[in-house]
Protein backbone atom coordinates (compact mmCIF):
# COMPACT_ATOMS: atom_id res chain seq x y z
CA UNK A 1 41.49 -309.18 -22.74
CA UNK A 2 38.67 -309.00 -20.27
CA UNK A 3 37.52 -305.88 -18.98
CA UNK A 4 36.53 -304.76 -15.27
CA UNK A 5 33.36 -303.59 -14.30
CA UNK A 6 33.08 -301.87 -11.10
CA UNK A 7 29.48 -302.61 -9.87
CA UNK A 8 28.12 -300.00 -6.53
CA UNK A 9 25.49 -301.92 -3.98
CA UNK A 10 24.47 -301.23 -1.18
CA UNK A 11 24.47 -304.34 1.31
CA UNK A 12 21.65 -304.01 4.16
CA UNK A 13 20.69 -306.75 7.02
CA UNK A 14 18.34 -309.53 6.94
CA UNK A 15 16.92 -308.64 9.92
CA UNK A 16 14.36 -311.87 9.54
CA UNK A 17 17.35 -314.30 10.10
CA UNK A 18 17.13 -315.74 13.68
CA UNK A 19 18.66 -314.02 16.54
CA UNK A 20 19.63 -311.12 14.23
CA UNK A 21 19.69 -309.09 17.48
CA UNK A 22 21.57 -309.89 20.42
CA UNK A 23 22.21 -307.46 24.06
CA UNK A 24 25.68 -307.96 25.05
CA UNK A 25 27.31 -305.48 28.37
CA UNK A 26 30.86 -306.71 28.02
CA UNK A 27 33.11 -307.96 24.90
CA UNK A 28 35.81 -310.13 25.54
CA UNK A 29 39.06 -309.14 22.16
CA UNK A 30 41.91 -311.84 21.22
CA UNK A 31 43.55 -312.26 17.81
CA UNK A 32 45.58 -314.69 15.96
CA UNK A 33 47.67 -313.73 12.81
CA UNK A 34 45.16 -313.90 10.62
CA UNK A 35 41.80 -312.53 12.28
CA UNK A 36 40.13 -310.82 15.68
CA UNK A 37 37.67 -312.95 17.17
CA UNK A 38 34.84 -310.30 19.46
CA UNK A 39 33.08 -312.41 21.81
CA UNK A 40 30.39 -310.63 23.44
CA UNK A 41 29.02 -311.66 26.41
CA UNK A 42 26.42 -310.57 28.94
CA UNK A 43 27.21 -310.22 32.58
CA UNK A 44 24.47 -310.29 35.02
CA UNK A 45 25.13 -308.64 38.40
CA UNK A 46 26.63 -311.14 40.74
CA UNK A 47 24.72 -312.85 43.74
CA UNK A 48 26.80 -312.85 47.10
CA UNK A 49 27.64 -316.86 46.25
CA UNK A 50 28.87 -315.55 43.22
CA UNK A 51 30.89 -313.11 44.70
CA UNK A 52 32.82 -315.50 47.34
CA UNK A 53 32.89 -317.90 43.86
CA UNK A 54 34.65 -314.79 42.07
CA UNK A 55 36.62 -314.44 45.12
CA UNK A 56 37.81 -317.66 45.66
CA UNK A 57 39.10 -318.46 42.01
CA UNK A 58 39.36 -314.48 40.46
CA UNK A 59 37.02 -315.69 38.04
CA UNK A 60 33.50 -314.35 36.37
CA UNK A 61 31.78 -317.16 34.06
CA UNK A 62 29.61 -314.69 31.50
CA UNK A 63 27.37 -316.85 29.10
CA UNK A 64 28.75 -315.98 25.35
CA UNK A 65 25.87 -314.74 23.48
CA UNK A 66 27.74 -314.03 20.29
CA UNK A 67 31.27 -315.19 18.67
CA UNK A 68 32.75 -313.28 15.73
CA UNK A 69 35.66 -313.63 13.83
CA UNK A 70 36.87 -310.63 11.61
CA UNK A 71 39.69 -310.51 9.11
CA UNK A 72 42.22 -308.77 9.49
CA UNK A 73 41.78 -306.25 6.67
CA UNK A 74 38.31 -305.52 7.66
CA UNK A 75 39.67 -304.47 11.45
CA UNK A 76 40.88 -300.82 10.92
CA UNK A 77 37.98 -299.94 8.55
CA UNK A 78 35.69 -301.20 12.27
CA UNK A 79 37.71 -299.10 14.07
CA UNK A 80 37.39 -296.17 11.91
CA UNK A 81 33.37 -296.60 11.69
CA UNK A 82 32.94 -297.23 15.36
CA UNK A 83 35.12 -293.81 16.01
CA UNK A 84 32.65 -291.90 14.17
CA UNK A 85 29.16 -293.26 15.32
CA UNK A 86 30.89 -292.35 18.41
CA UNK A 87 31.29 -288.99 17.06
CA UNK A 88 28.29 -288.64 15.76
CA UNK A 89 26.40 -290.14 18.56
CA UNK A 90 28.61 -287.68 21.32
CA UNK A 91 28.29 -284.74 19.29
CA UNK A 92 23.89 -285.22 19.54
CA UNK A 93 23.15 -286.52 22.99
CA UNK A 94 24.79 -287.40 26.48
CA UNK A 95 23.63 -290.87 27.86
CA UNK A 96 22.41 -290.23 31.03
CA UNK A 97 24.37 -290.43 33.91
CA UNK A 98 27.25 -289.65 32.15
CA UNK A 99 28.73 -285.78 32.06
CA UNK A 100 30.13 -284.43 29.47
CA UNK A 101 33.87 -285.41 28.32
CA UNK A 102 33.73 -288.75 30.40
CA UNK A 103 34.89 -291.41 28.45
CA UNK A 104 32.96 -295.12 28.80
CA UNK A 105 34.45 -297.86 30.77
CA UNK A 106 36.13 -300.52 28.36
């Protein structure tokens, strides 16, 4: 019987990869029985024409900047990590324009 070895390592993002950083100010989330999909979009201010079109069609199109598919097993860990980072961020500073205690709009 072979022995199992435990290896500890650190994963470091490769910042030289093309498109390593993408700006997004909206995230649409969907799921299947197997995974969650996060579609990160950039919503720009609407022109008068865009507003009229949106009123008629009841939709606003926003370009998808990145789509990330996450296996179900990773979702609880992602939620925990986001909550911890949000807690540390909230304790260290209050973003401009937010009163303390005001929650962000999702």
